[in-house]
């Protein structure tokens, strides 16, 4: 799956502003960027009585609204999805997915800290950087809010470039971690097999879907 990095911090610390700057910087370097915003309350994306609302009420597992400029997917869930489950809906076409929030998630995190808002967050897992307006006693690398280039360099070198060539495999909707040797074997076998098929020329991306009927 694409690299995921979460931007976290106390409310009003500047997470959205940092996201905007990072998106622009990474886009200027030619990378495809997607974003996810974590909301604490219910989402109101569809109004009662609208056609798509009626589709969901009738029992549709998911519905989409498409226009010449936008595409919105709506899917009711019985419990909150984790980041891996959410990112599967994005597909594999992005170089990085930046999330705003998800401080309890398992993705690498960049914390945004402002002295006048409050102390840094406690016990964050996988904290890789702090964007701060004051020096902090921390072994984690620190950046000023103006050093977007430096933070983008960190994300590019540490997370984006190592994933430029990748294989993502999901078994029963769960991602399967792959190390170097299985990646090489699987990619070589699949490319060799597909290269022999009529109509297949240069291969840059491969998408395979397999579904087997469950035995009773």
N, C-alpha and C. Protein backbone atom coordinates (compact mmCIF):
# COMPACT_ATOMS: atom_id res chain seq x y z
N UNK A 1 0.85 -1.18 0.00
CA UNK A 1 0.00 0.00 0.00
C UNK A 1 0.89 1.24 0.00
N UNK A 2 0.33 2.40 -0.36
CA UNK A 2 1.13 3.63 -0.33
C UNK A 2 1.62 3.94 1.08
N UNK A 3 2.69 4.70 1.15
CA UNK A 3 3.19 5.17 2.43
C UNK A 3 2.15 6.04 3.12
N UNK A 4 1.96 5.81 4.43
CA UNK A 4 1.03 6.62 5.23
C UNK A 4 1.81 7.34 6.31
N UNK A 5 1.61 8.65 6.44
CA UNK A 5 2.21 9.43 7.51
C UNK A 5 1.11 10.29 8.12
N UNK A 6 0.98 10.24 9.44
CA UNK A 6 -0.06 10.98 10.14
C UNK A 6 0.48 12.26 10.75
N UNK A 7 -0.22 13.35 10.50
CA UNK A 7 0.09 14.64 11.11
C UNK A 7 -0.81 14.78 12.34
N UNK A 8 -0.21 14.85 13.52
CA UNK A 8 -0.98 14.84 14.76
C UNK A 8 -0.61 16.05 15.62
N UNK A 9 -1.45 16.34 16.60
CA UNK A 9 -1.17 17.44 17.51
C UNK A 9 -2.44 17.88 18.21
N UNK A 10 -2.27 18.75 19.21
CA UNK A 10 -3.40 19.30 19.93
C UNK A 10 -4.24 20.16 18.99
N UNK A 11 -5.54 20.27 19.27
CA UNK A 11 -6.42 21.11 18.46
C UNK A 11 -5.88 22.54 18.37
N UNK A 12 -5.94 23.12 17.19
CA UNK A 12 -5.49 24.49 16.91
C UNK A 12 -3.97 24.63 16.90
N UNK A 13 -3.25 23.51 16.82
CA UNK A 13 -1.79 23.58 16.81
C UNK A 13 -1.24 23.89 15.42
N UNK A 14 -2.06 23.76 14.39
CA UNK A 14 -1.60 24.08 13.04
C UNK A 14 -1.47 22.88 12.13
N UNK A 15 -2.19 21.81 12.42
CA UNK A 15 -2.07 20.59 11.61
C UNK A 15 -2.51 20.82 10.16
N UNK A 16 -3.65 21.48 9.99
CA UNK A 16 -4.17 21.68 8.63
C UNK A 16 -3.25 22.59 7.82
N UNK A 17 -2.72 23.63 8.46
CA UNK A 17 -1.79 24.52 7.76
C UNK A 17 -0.55 23.78 7.32
N UNK A 18 -0.01 22.92 8.20
CA UNK A 18 1.16 22.13 7.83
C UNK A 18 0.82 21.16 6.70
N UNK A 19 -0.36 20.55 6.76
CA UNK A 19 -0.79 19.64 5.69
C UNK A 19 -0.80 20.37 4.35
N UNK A 20 -1.37 21.57 4.33
CA UNK A 20 -1.45 22.34 3.09
C UNK A 20 -0.06 22.59 2.51
N UNK A 21 0.87 23.00 3.37
CA UNK A 21 2.23 23.30 2.91
C UNK A 21 2.93 22.03 2.41
N UNK A 22 2.75 20.92 3.14
CA UNK A 22 3.40 19.67 2.73
C UNK A 22 2.85 19.16 1.41
N UNK A 23 1.54 19.25 1.25
CA UNK A 23 0.92 18.81 -0.01
C UNK A 23 1.51 19.57 -1.18
N UNK A 24 1.57 20.90 -1.05
CA UNK A 24 2.11 21.72 -2.15
C UNK A 24 3.56 21.38 -2.44
N UNK A 25 4.36 21.20 -1.37
CA UNK A 25 5.78 20.90 -1.56
C UNK A 25 5.98 19.55 -2.24
N UNK A 26 5.27 18.53 -1.77
CA UNK A 26 5.44 17.19 -2.35
C UNK A 26 4.89 17.14 -3.78
N UNK A 27 3.79 17.86 -4.04
CA UNK A 27 3.26 17.92 -5.40
C UNK A 27 4.26 18.61 -6.33
N UNK A 28 4.96 19.62 -5.84
CA UNK A 28 5.93 20.32 -6.68
C UNK A 28 7.11 19.43 -7.04
N UNK A 29 7.30 18.35 -6.28
CA UNK A 29 8.38 17.40 -6.57
C UNK A 29 7.89 16.26 -7.47
N UNK A 30 6.64 16.33 -7.88
CA UNK A 30 6.12 15.34 -8.82
C UNK A 30 5.44 14.15 -8.17
N UNK A 31 5.18 14.19 -6.87
CA UNK A 31 4.57 13.05 -6.19
C UNK A 31 3.04 13.17 -6.17
N UNK A 32 2.39 12.01 -6.21
CA UNK A 32 0.94 11.94 -6.10
C UNK A 32 0.58 11.83 -4.62
N UNK A 33 -0.19 12.80 -4.11
CA UNK A 33 -0.51 12.88 -2.69
C UNK A 33 -2.01 12.74 -2.48
N UNK A 34 -2.39 11.92 -1.51
CA UNK A 34 -3.79 11.82 -1.08
C UNK A 34 -3.84 12.12 0.41
N UNK A 35 -5.01 12.51 0.91
CA UNK A 35 -5.14 12.88 2.32
C UNK A 35 -6.38 12.25 2.94
N UNK A 36 -6.32 12.07 4.25
CA UNK A 36 -7.45 11.57 5.04
C UNK A 36 -7.57 12.44 6.27
N UNK A 37 -8.78 12.90 6.57
CA UNK A 37 -9.03 13.69 7.77
C UNK A 37 -9.83 12.85 8.76
N UNK A 38 -9.36 12.79 10.00
CA UNK A 38 -10.07 12.05 11.03
C UNK A 38 -11.08 12.96 11.72
N UNK A 39 -12.35 12.59 11.69
CA UNK A 39 -13.41 13.38 12.33
C UNK A 39 -13.89 12.65 13.57
N UNK A 40 -14.13 13.38 14.62
CA UNK A 40 -14.54 12.77 15.88
C UNK A 40 -16.04 12.46 15.90
N UNK A 41 -16.84 13.26 15.20
CA UNK A 41 -18.29 13.06 15.21
C UNK A 41 -18.78 12.43 13.93
N UNK A 42 -20.10 12.38 13.78
CA UNK A 42 -20.71 11.80 12.58
C UNK A 42 -20.49 12.70 11.38
N UNK A 43 -20.35 12.08 10.20
CA UNK A 43 -20.22 12.82 8.96
C UNK A 43 -21.60 13.07 8.36
N UNK A 44 -21.79 14.23 7.78
CA UNK A 44 -23.05 14.54 7.10
C UNK A 44 -22.71 14.88 5.65
N UNK A 45 -22.61 13.86 4.82
CA UNK A 45 -22.26 14.05 3.42
C UNK A 45 -23.46 13.88 2.50
N UNK A 46 -24.52 13.33 3.01
CA UNK A 46 -25.69 13.09 2.17
C UNK A 46 -26.94 13.46 2.96
N UNK A 47 -27.87 14.13 2.31
CA UNK A 47 -29.06 14.62 2.99
C UNK A 47 -30.20 13.62 2.89
N UNK A 48 -30.96 13.57 3.93
CA UNK A 48 -32.15 12.71 3.97
C UNK A 48 -33.05 13.03 2.77
N UNK A 49 -33.48 11.97 2.10
CA UNK A 49 -34.38 12.13 0.98
C UNK A 49 -33.70 12.18 -0.37
N UNK A 50 -32.37 12.47 -0.40
CA UNK A 50 -31.65 12.48 -1.67
C UNK A 50 -31.54 11.06 -2.22
N UNK A 51 -31.32 10.95 -3.54
CA UNK A 51 -31.30 9.64 -4.19
C UNK A 51 -30.26 8.71 -3.55
N UNK A 52 -29.05 9.20 -3.33
CA UNK A 52 -28.00 8.35 -2.77
C UNK A 52 -28.36 7.92 -1.34
N UNK A 53 -28.99 8.81 -0.57
CA UNK A 53 -29.45 8.45 0.77
C UNK A 53 -30.48 7.34 0.69
N UNK A 54 -31.36 7.43 -0.29
CA UNK A 54 -32.40 6.41 -0.46
C UNK A 54 -31.77 5.06 -0.86
N UNK A 55 -30.70 5.11 -1.65
CA UNK A 55 -30.01 3.87 -2.03
C UNK A 55 -29.48 3.16 -0.78
N UNK A 56 -28.83 3.92 0.10
CA UNK A 56 -28.27 3.35 1.32
C UNK A 56 -29.37 2.82 2.22
N UNK A 57 -30.46 3.58 2.35
CA UNK A 57 -31.57 3.15 3.19
C UNK A 57 -32.21 1.87 2.67
N UNK A 58 -32.15 1.66 1.36
CA UNK A 58 -32.73 0.46 0.76
C UNK A 58 -31.85 -0.76 0.96
N UNK A 59 -30.59 -0.53 1.38
CA UNK A 59 -29.71 -1.68 1.67
C UNK A 59 -28.45 -1.76 0.85
N UNK A 60 -28.17 -0.77 -0.01
CA UNK A 60 -26.93 -0.78 -0.78
C UNK A 60 -25.72 -0.78 0.15
N UNK A 61 -24.74 -1.65 -0.13
CA UNK A 61 -23.54 -1.73 0.70
C UNK A 61 -22.66 -0.50 0.55
N UNK A 62 -22.75 0.15 -0.59
CA UNK A 62 -21.99 1.38 -0.85
C UNK A 62 -22.64 2.09 -2.02
N UNK A 63 -22.49 3.40 -2.07
CA UNK A 63 -23.02 4.15 -3.20
C UNK A 63 -22.05 5.28 -3.52
N UNK A 64 -22.04 5.71 -4.75
CA UNK A 64 -21.16 6.78 -5.19
C UNK A 64 -21.96 7.85 -5.92
N UNK A 65 -21.55 9.08 -5.76
CA UNK A 65 -22.12 10.20 -6.50
C UNK A 65 -21.02 10.78 -7.37
N UNK A 66 -21.27 10.84 -8.66
CA UNK A 66 -20.24 11.29 -9.59
C UNK A 66 -20.73 12.49 -10.39
N UNK A 67 -19.87 13.47 -10.54
CA UNK A 67 -20.16 14.64 -11.37
C UNK A 67 -18.93 14.90 -12.24
N UNK A 68 -19.01 15.84 -13.17
CA UNK A 68 -17.83 16.12 -14.01
C UNK A 68 -16.61 16.58 -13.22
N UNK A 69 -16.80 17.04 -11.96
CA UNK A 69 -15.67 17.58 -11.20
C UNK A 69 -15.38 16.84 -9.91
N UNK A 70 -16.31 16.00 -9.44
CA UNK A 70 -16.12 15.34 -8.16
C UNK A 70 -16.63 13.91 -8.19
N UNK A 71 -16.06 13.11 -7.29
CA UNK A 71 -16.52 11.74 -7.10
C UNK A 71 -16.52 11.47 -5.61
N UNK A 72 -17.67 11.08 -5.07
CA UNK A 72 -17.79 10.84 -3.63
C UNK A 72 -18.32 9.44 -3.41
N UNK A 73 -17.61 8.66 -2.59
CA UNK A 73 -18.03 7.31 -2.23
C UNK A 73 -18.57 7.32 -0.81
N UNK A 74 -19.74 6.75 -0.60
CA UNK A 74 -20.33 6.65 0.74
C UNK A 74 -20.57 5.18 1.07
N UNK A 75 -20.08 4.78 2.23
CA UNK A 75 -20.21 3.38 2.64
C UNK A 75 -20.53 3.32 4.13
N UNK A 76 -21.71 2.86 4.50
CA UNK A 76 -22.02 2.73 5.93
C UNK A 76 -21.12 1.68 6.58
N UNK A 77 -20.72 1.93 7.81
CA UNK A 77 -19.89 0.97 8.55
C UNK A 77 -20.49 0.76 9.93
N UNK A 78 -20.25 -0.41 10.47
CA UNK A 78 -20.77 -0.72 11.81
C UNK A 78 -19.80 -0.32 12.90
N UNK A 79 -18.52 -0.10 12.53
CA UNK A 79 -17.53 0.39 13.48
C UNK A 79 -16.48 1.18 12.71
N UNK A 80 -15.76 2.03 13.42
CA UNK A 80 -14.78 2.89 12.75
C UNK A 80 -13.68 2.05 12.09
N UNK A 81 -13.34 2.40 10.85
CA UNK A 81 -12.29 1.70 10.13
C UNK A 81 -10.92 2.17 10.60
N UNK A 82 -9.94 1.25 10.55
CA UNK A 82 -8.57 1.68 10.83
C UNK A 82 -7.94 2.20 9.54
N UNK A 83 -6.72 2.73 9.64
CA UNK A 83 -6.09 3.37 8.49
C UNK A 83 -5.85 2.40 7.33
N UNK A 84 -5.44 1.18 7.64
CA UNK A 84 -5.22 0.20 6.57
C UNK A 84 -6.51 -0.06 5.80
N UNK A 85 -7.62 -0.16 6.52
CA UNK A 85 -8.91 -0.42 5.87
C UNK A 85 -9.33 0.78 5.02
N UNK A 86 -9.10 1.97 5.51
CA UNK A 86 -9.47 3.17 4.75
C UNK A 86 -8.64 3.31 3.49
N UNK A 87 -7.34 3.09 3.61
CA UNK A 87 -6.46 3.32 2.47
C UNK A 87 -6.69 2.31 1.34
N UNK A 88 -7.29 1.17 1.64
CA UNK A 88 -7.59 0.22 0.57
C UNK A 88 -8.58 0.81 -0.44
N UNK A 89 -9.42 1.74 0.00
CA UNK A 89 -10.36 2.37 -0.92
C UNK A 89 -9.66 3.37 -1.85
N UNK A 90 -8.47 3.80 -1.48
CA UNK A 90 -7.72 4.75 -2.30
C UNK A 90 -7.02 4.05 -3.47
N UNK A 91 -6.73 2.78 -3.32
CA UNK A 91 -5.96 2.10 -4.35
C UNK A 91 -4.47 2.33 -4.15
N UNK A 92 -3.71 2.02 -5.18
CA UNK A 92 -2.25 2.02 -5.07
C UNK A 92 -1.58 3.11 -5.91
N UNK A 93 -2.34 4.07 -6.40
CA UNK A 93 -1.79 5.03 -7.36
C UNK A 93 -1.11 6.23 -6.72
N UNK A 94 -1.05 6.29 -5.40
CA UNK A 94 -0.47 7.45 -4.73
C UNK A 94 0.91 7.12 -4.15
N UNK A 95 1.76 8.14 -4.09
CA UNK A 95 3.10 7.96 -3.52
C UNK A 95 3.08 8.07 -2.01
N UNK A 96 2.15 8.87 -1.49
CA UNK A 96 2.04 9.03 -0.05
C UNK A 96 0.61 9.44 0.30
N UNK A 97 0.15 8.97 1.45
CA UNK A 97 -1.14 9.39 1.99
C UNK A 97 -0.87 10.09 3.31
N UNK A 98 -1.21 11.37 3.38
CA UNK A 98 -1.06 12.13 4.61
C UNK A 98 -2.39 12.14 5.34
N UNK A 99 -2.37 11.85 6.62
CA UNK A 99 -3.60 11.89 7.40
C UNK A 99 -3.50 13.00 8.44
N UNK A 100 -4.63 13.62 8.70
CA UNK A 100 -4.71 14.62 9.76
C UNK A 100 -5.45 13.98 10.93
N UNK A 101 -4.72 13.72 11.99
CA UNK A 101 -5.29 13.00 13.12
C UNK A 101 -4.79 11.57 13.17
N UNK A 102 -5.59 10.68 13.74
CA UNK A 102 -5.24 9.27 13.91
C UNK A 102 -4.00 9.10 14.81
N UNK A 103 -3.96 9.86 15.90
CA UNK A 103 -2.79 9.78 16.78
C UNK A 103 -2.65 8.43 17.46
N UNK A 104 -3.74 7.64 17.53
CA UNK A 104 -3.67 6.30 18.11
C UNK A 104 -3.36 5.23 17.06
N UNK A 105 -3.26 5.63 15.81
CA UNK A 105 -3.02 4.68 14.74
C UNK A 105 -1.59 4.17 14.73
N UNK A 106 -1.31 3.26 13.82
CA UNK A 106 -0.01 2.60 13.77
C UNK A 106 0.92 3.19 12.72
N UNK A 107 0.50 4.28 12.04
CA UNK A 107 1.33 4.88 11.01
C UNK A 107 2.41 5.77 11.63
N UNK A 108 3.52 6.00 10.91
CA UNK A 108 4.51 6.98 11.37
C UNK A 108 3.85 8.35 11.56
N UNK A 109 4.35 9.12 12.52
CA UNK A 109 3.66 10.37 12.87
C UNK A 109 4.62 11.56 12.90
N UNK A 110 4.08 12.71 12.49
CA UNK A 110 4.73 14.00 12.65
C UNK A 110 3.85 14.82 13.57
N UNK A 111 4.40 15.25 14.72
CA UNK A 111 3.60 16.04 15.66
C UNK A 111 3.81 17.53 15.39
N UNK A 112 2.71 18.28 15.46
CA UNK A 112 2.77 19.73 15.37
C UNK A 112 2.60 20.29 16.78
N UNK A 113 3.58 21.05 17.23
CA UNK A 113 3.56 21.58 18.61
C UNK A 113 3.71 23.10 18.57
N UNK A 114 2.85 23.77 19.34
CA UNK A 114 2.97 25.22 19.55
C UNK A 114 3.01 25.50 21.05
N UNK A 115 3.99 26.30 21.45
CA UNK A 115 4.21 26.58 22.87
C UNK A 115 2.97 27.15 23.55
N UNK A 116 2.24 28.04 22.84
CA UNK A 116 1.11 28.71 23.48
C UNK A 116 -0.15 27.87 23.51
N UNK A 117 -0.15 26.69 22.89
CA UNK A 117 -1.33 25.82 22.87
C UNK A 117 -1.28 24.80 24.00
N UNK A 118 -0.09 24.28 24.30
CA UNK A 118 0.02 23.28 25.35
C UNK A 118 1.25 22.41 25.15
N UNK A 119 1.50 21.47 26.06
CA UNK A 119 2.69 20.61 25.97
C UNK A 119 2.55 19.60 24.83
N UNK A 120 3.65 19.01 24.41
CA UNK A 120 3.58 17.97 23.38
C UNK A 120 2.74 16.78 23.85
N UNK A 121 2.24 16.02 22.90
CA UNK A 121 1.46 14.83 23.23
C UNK A 121 2.34 13.78 23.89
N UNK A 122 1.73 12.97 24.74
CA UNK A 122 2.46 11.92 25.45
C UNK A 122 2.32 10.58 24.74
N UNK A 123 3.36 9.77 24.83
CA UNK A 123 3.32 8.35 24.45
C UNK A 123 2.84 8.11 23.02
N UNK A 124 3.32 8.94 22.08
CA UNK A 124 2.99 8.69 20.68
C UNK A 124 3.86 7.56 20.14
N UNK A 125 3.23 6.63 19.45
CA UNK A 125 3.98 5.55 18.80
C UNK A 125 4.46 6.00 17.43
N UNK A 126 5.67 5.59 17.09
CA UNK A 126 6.24 5.84 15.76
C UNK A 126 6.32 7.33 15.44
N UNK A 127 6.73 8.13 16.39
CA UNK A 127 6.93 9.55 16.15
C UNK A 127 8.26 9.75 15.42
N UNK A 128 8.22 10.34 14.23
CA UNK A 128 9.43 10.47 13.42
C UNK A 128 9.92 11.91 13.34
N UNK A 129 9.07 12.88 13.68
CA UNK A 129 9.48 14.29 13.61
C UNK A 129 8.50 15.14 14.41
N UNK A 130 9.00 16.30 14.83
CA UNK A 130 8.17 17.28 15.53
C UNK A 130 8.35 18.63 14.84
N UNK A 131 7.25 19.26 14.48
CA UNK A 131 7.27 20.62 13.96
C UNK A 131 6.93 21.53 15.13
N UNK A 132 7.87 22.36 15.56
CA UNK A 132 7.71 23.09 16.82
C UNK A 132 8.21 24.52 16.71
N UNK A 133 7.64 25.39 17.55
CA UNK A 133 8.09 26.78 17.61
C UNK A 133 9.01 27.05 18.79
N UNK A 134 9.47 25.97 19.44
CA UNK A 134 10.43 26.09 20.54
C UNK A 134 11.26 24.82 20.60
N UNK A 135 12.52 24.91 21.06
CA UNK A 135 13.35 23.70 21.20
C UNK A 135 12.76 22.78 22.26
N UNK A 136 12.76 21.49 21.98
CA UNK A 136 12.22 20.51 22.92
C UNK A 136 13.30 19.50 23.29
N UNK A 137 13.20 18.98 24.51
CA UNK A 137 14.11 17.91 24.93
C UNK A 137 13.60 16.59 24.39
N UNK A 138 14.01 16.27 23.20
CA UNK A 138 13.56 15.05 22.52
C UNK A 138 14.63 14.59 21.55
N UNK A 139 14.75 13.28 21.42
CA UNK A 139 15.69 12.71 20.45
C UNK A 139 15.11 12.71 19.05
N UNK A 140 13.80 12.98 18.94
CA UNK A 140 13.14 13.00 17.64
C UNK A 140 13.56 14.26 16.88
N UNK A 141 13.75 14.13 15.61
CA UNK A 141 14.18 15.27 14.79
C UNK A 141 13.13 16.37 14.82
N UNK A 142 13.59 17.64 14.94
CA UNK A 142 12.69 18.77 15.06
C UNK A 142 12.85 19.74 13.88
N UNK A 143 11.72 20.33 13.48
CA UNK A 143 11.70 21.29 12.38
C UNK A 143 10.89 22.51 12.80
N UNK A 144 11.23 23.65 12.23
CA UNK A 144 10.38 24.82 12.41
C UNK A 144 9.22 24.73 11.43
N UNK A 145 8.16 25.48 11.69
CA UNK A 145 6.99 25.44 10.80
C UNK A 145 7.31 26.00 9.42
N UNK A 146 8.42 26.73 9.30
CA UNK A 146 8.81 27.29 8.01
C UNK A 146 9.71 26.35 7.21
N UNK A 147 10.24 25.32 7.86
CA UNK A 147 11.17 24.41 7.17
C UNK A 147 10.39 23.26 6.52
N UNK A 148 9.50 23.60 5.63
CA UNK A 148 8.71 22.58 4.95
C UNK A 148 9.60 21.75 4.02
N UNK A 149 10.59 22.40 3.42
CA UNK A 149 11.50 21.67 2.53
C UNK A 149 12.24 20.59 3.29
N UNK A 150 12.72 20.91 4.50
CA UNK A 150 13.44 19.92 5.30
C UNK A 150 12.56 18.76 5.70
N UNK A 151 11.31 19.05 6.12
CA UNK A 151 10.39 17.98 6.49
C UNK A 151 10.03 17.13 5.28
N UNK A 152 9.83 17.78 4.14
CA UNK A 152 9.52 17.02 2.91
C UNK A 152 10.70 16.14 2.52
N UNK A 153 11.92 16.62 2.72
CA UNK A 153 13.10 15.80 2.44
C UNK A 153 13.10 14.54 3.29
N UNK A 154 12.73 14.69 4.57
CA UNK A 154 12.68 13.55 5.48
C UNK A 154 11.65 12.53 4.99
N UNK A 155 10.47 12.99 4.62
CA UNK A 155 9.43 12.08 4.15
C UNK A 155 9.82 11.43 2.83
N UNK A 156 10.43 12.21 1.95
CA UNK A 156 10.82 11.69 0.65
C UNK A 156 11.88 10.59 0.78
N UNK A 157 12.92 10.87 1.56
CA UNK A 157 14.01 9.91 1.70
C UNK A 157 13.62 8.71 2.53
N UNK A 158 12.87 8.93 3.61
CA UNK A 158 12.59 7.85 4.54
C UNK A 158 11.36 7.01 4.22
N UNK A 159 10.40 7.59 3.46
CA UNK A 159 9.14 6.89 3.27
C UNK A 159 8.68 6.77 1.82
N UNK A 160 8.87 7.82 1.02
CA UNK A 160 8.34 7.79 -0.34
C UNK A 160 9.24 6.99 -1.28
N UNK A 161 10.51 7.33 -1.34
CA UNK A 161 11.40 6.66 -2.28
C UNK A 161 11.56 5.16 -2.02
N UNK A 162 11.64 4.72 -0.75
CA UNK A 162 11.74 3.27 -0.53
C UNK A 162 10.52 2.49 -1.00
N UNK A 163 9.38 3.17 -1.21
CA UNK A 163 8.15 2.50 -1.63
C UNK A 163 7.79 2.78 -3.09
N UNK A 164 8.70 3.38 -3.84
CA UNK A 164 8.39 3.68 -5.24
C UNK A 164 8.14 2.40 -6.03
N UNK A 165 8.86 1.34 -5.71
CA UNK A 165 8.60 0.03 -6.31
C UNK A 165 8.12 -0.89 -5.19
N UNK A 166 6.91 -1.41 -5.32
CA UNK A 166 6.35 -2.19 -4.22
C UNK A 166 5.33 -3.19 -4.74
N UNK A 167 5.06 -4.17 -3.90
CA UNK A 167 3.98 -5.12 -4.13
C UNK A 167 3.07 -5.07 -2.90
N UNK A 168 1.78 -4.96 -3.13
CA UNK A 168 0.81 -4.98 -2.03
C UNK A 168 -0.10 -6.18 -2.22
N UNK A 169 -0.19 -7.01 -1.21
CA UNK A 169 -1.03 -8.20 -1.26
C UNK A 169 -1.97 -8.19 -0.06
N UNK A 170 -3.25 -8.44 -0.34
CA UNK A 170 -4.26 -8.52 0.71
C UNK A 170 -4.88 -9.92 0.65
N UNK A 171 -4.92 -10.59 1.77
CA UNK A 171 -5.57 -11.89 1.86
C UNK A 171 -6.72 -11.75 2.85
N UNK A 172 -7.94 -12.05 2.36
CA UNK A 172 -9.14 -11.87 3.19
C UNK A 172 -9.23 -10.45 3.73
N UNK A 173 -8.90 -9.48 2.84
CA UNK A 173 -8.99 -8.04 3.14
C UNK A 173 -7.97 -7.56 4.16
N UNK A 174 -6.95 -8.35 4.45
CA UNK A 174 -5.91 -7.93 5.36
C UNK A 174 -4.57 -7.86 4.64
N UNK A 175 -3.82 -6.76 4.82
CA UNK A 175 -2.52 -6.66 4.15
C UNK A 175 -1.54 -7.69 4.68
N UNK A 176 -0.76 -8.26 3.78
CA UNK A 176 0.25 -9.26 4.15
C UNK A 176 1.63 -8.61 4.08
N UNK A 177 2.35 -8.52 5.19
CA UNK A 177 3.70 -7.93 5.16
C UNK A 177 4.63 -8.79 4.31
N UNK A 178 5.43 -8.14 3.48
CA UNK A 178 6.35 -8.85 2.61
C UNK A 178 7.77 -8.32 2.80
N UNK A 179 8.73 -9.23 2.91
CA UNK A 179 10.13 -8.85 2.99
C UNK A 179 10.75 -8.91 1.59
N UNK A 180 12.02 -8.58 1.50
CA UNK A 180 12.67 -8.45 0.20
C UNK A 180 12.62 -9.69 -0.67
N UNK A 181 12.92 -10.87 -0.09
CA UNK A 181 12.99 -12.09 -0.91
C UNK A 181 11.63 -12.47 -1.51
N UNK A 182 10.54 -12.54 -0.71
CA UNK A 182 9.23 -12.84 -1.31
C UNK A 182 8.81 -11.82 -2.36
N UNK A 183 9.13 -10.55 -2.15
CA UNK A 183 8.79 -9.52 -3.13
C UNK A 183 9.46 -9.81 -4.47
N UNK A 184 10.74 -10.16 -4.42
CA UNK A 184 11.47 -10.45 -5.65
C UNK A 184 10.89 -11.67 -6.37
N UNK A 185 10.63 -12.74 -5.62
CA UNK A 185 10.10 -13.96 -6.22
C UNK A 185 8.72 -13.71 -6.83
N UNK A 186 7.83 -13.10 -6.07
CA UNK A 186 6.46 -12.87 -6.55
C UNK A 186 6.45 -11.96 -7.77
N UNK A 187 7.19 -10.86 -7.71
CA UNK A 187 7.19 -9.92 -8.83
C UNK A 187 7.78 -10.56 -10.08
N UNK A 188 8.87 -11.32 -9.95
CA UNK A 188 9.48 -11.95 -11.12
C UNK A 188 8.55 -12.99 -11.75
N UNK A 189 7.88 -13.78 -10.92
CA UNK A 189 6.98 -14.81 -11.44
C UNK A 189 5.78 -14.18 -12.15
N UNK A 190 5.15 -13.19 -11.51
CA UNK A 190 3.96 -12.56 -12.11
C UNK A 190 4.32 -11.85 -13.41
N UNK A 191 5.40 -11.08 -13.40
CA UNK A 191 5.80 -10.36 -14.62
C UNK A 191 6.13 -11.33 -15.74
N UNK A 192 6.84 -12.42 -15.42
CA UNK A 192 7.19 -13.41 -16.44
C UNK A 192 5.94 -14.05 -17.05
N UNK A 193 4.97 -14.39 -16.22
CA UNK A 193 3.75 -15.02 -16.71
C UNK A 193 2.94 -14.06 -17.58
N UNK A 194 2.76 -12.83 -17.11
CA UNK A 194 1.94 -11.88 -17.86
C UNK A 194 2.63 -11.40 -19.14
N UNK A 195 3.95 -11.38 -19.14
CA UNK A 195 4.68 -10.95 -20.33
C UNK A 195 4.44 -11.90 -21.51
N UNK A 196 4.06 -13.13 -21.20
CA UNK A 196 3.83 -14.12 -22.25
C UNK A 196 2.42 -14.02 -22.86
N UNK A 197 1.55 -13.21 -22.24
CA UNK A 197 0.18 -13.12 -22.73
C UNK A 197 0.08 -12.19 -23.92
N UNK A 198 -0.83 -12.53 -24.82
CA UNK A 198 -1.04 -11.73 -26.02
C UNK A 198 -1.57 -10.35 -25.64
N UNK A 199 -1.01 -9.33 -26.24
CA UNK A 199 -1.46 -7.97 -25.99
C UNK A 199 -0.76 -7.26 -24.86
N UNK A 200 0.08 -7.97 -24.10
CA UNK A 200 0.81 -7.35 -22.99
C UNK A 200 2.16 -6.87 -23.50
N UNK A 201 2.42 -5.58 -23.32
CA UNK A 201 3.70 -5.01 -23.76
C UNK A 201 4.52 -4.58 -22.54
N UNK A 202 4.83 -3.32 -22.46
CA UNK A 202 5.60 -2.84 -21.31
C UNK A 202 4.74 -2.88 -20.04
N UNK A 203 5.27 -3.43 -18.96
CA UNK A 203 4.52 -3.56 -17.71
C UNK A 203 5.05 -2.58 -16.68
N UNK A 204 4.18 -1.69 -16.22
CA UNK A 204 4.53 -0.75 -15.16
C UNK A 204 3.71 -1.00 -13.89
N UNK A 205 2.43 -1.33 -14.07
CA UNK A 205 1.57 -1.62 -12.93
C UNK A 205 0.74 -2.86 -13.25
N UNK A 206 0.50 -3.65 -12.22
CA UNK A 206 -0.34 -4.85 -12.36
C UNK A 206 -1.35 -4.85 -11.22
N UNK A 207 -2.61 -5.05 -11.55
CA UNK A 207 -3.64 -5.18 -10.53
C UNK A 207 -4.34 -6.52 -10.74
N UNK A 208 -4.37 -7.33 -9.71
CA UNK A 208 -4.98 -8.66 -9.78
C UNK A 208 -6.02 -8.78 -8.67
N UNK A 209 -7.19 -9.26 -9.01
CA UNK A 209 -8.22 -9.52 -8.01
C UNK A 209 -8.61 -10.99 -8.09
N UNK A 210 -8.64 -11.64 -6.96
CA UNK A 210 -9.00 -13.06 -6.91
C UNK A 210 -10.02 -13.27 -5.81
N UNK A 211 -11.10 -13.95 -6.15
CA UNK A 211 -12.14 -14.24 -5.16
C UNK A 211 -12.53 -15.69 -5.30
N UNK A 212 -12.54 -16.41 -4.19
CA UNK A 212 -12.88 -17.82 -4.18
C UNK A 212 -14.09 -18.02 -3.28
N UNK A 213 -15.05 -18.77 -3.78
CA UNK A 213 -16.26 -19.02 -3.01
C UNK A 213 -15.92 -19.80 -1.75
N UNK A 214 -16.41 -19.30 -0.62
CA UNK A 214 -16.12 -19.96 0.65
C UNK A 214 -16.83 -21.30 0.74
N UNK A 215 -16.13 -22.28 1.25
CA UNK A 215 -16.73 -23.60 1.40
C UNK A 215 -17.67 -23.61 2.61
N UNK A 216 -18.83 -24.27 2.51
CA UNK A 216 -19.79 -24.30 3.64
C UNK A 216 -19.21 -25.11 4.81
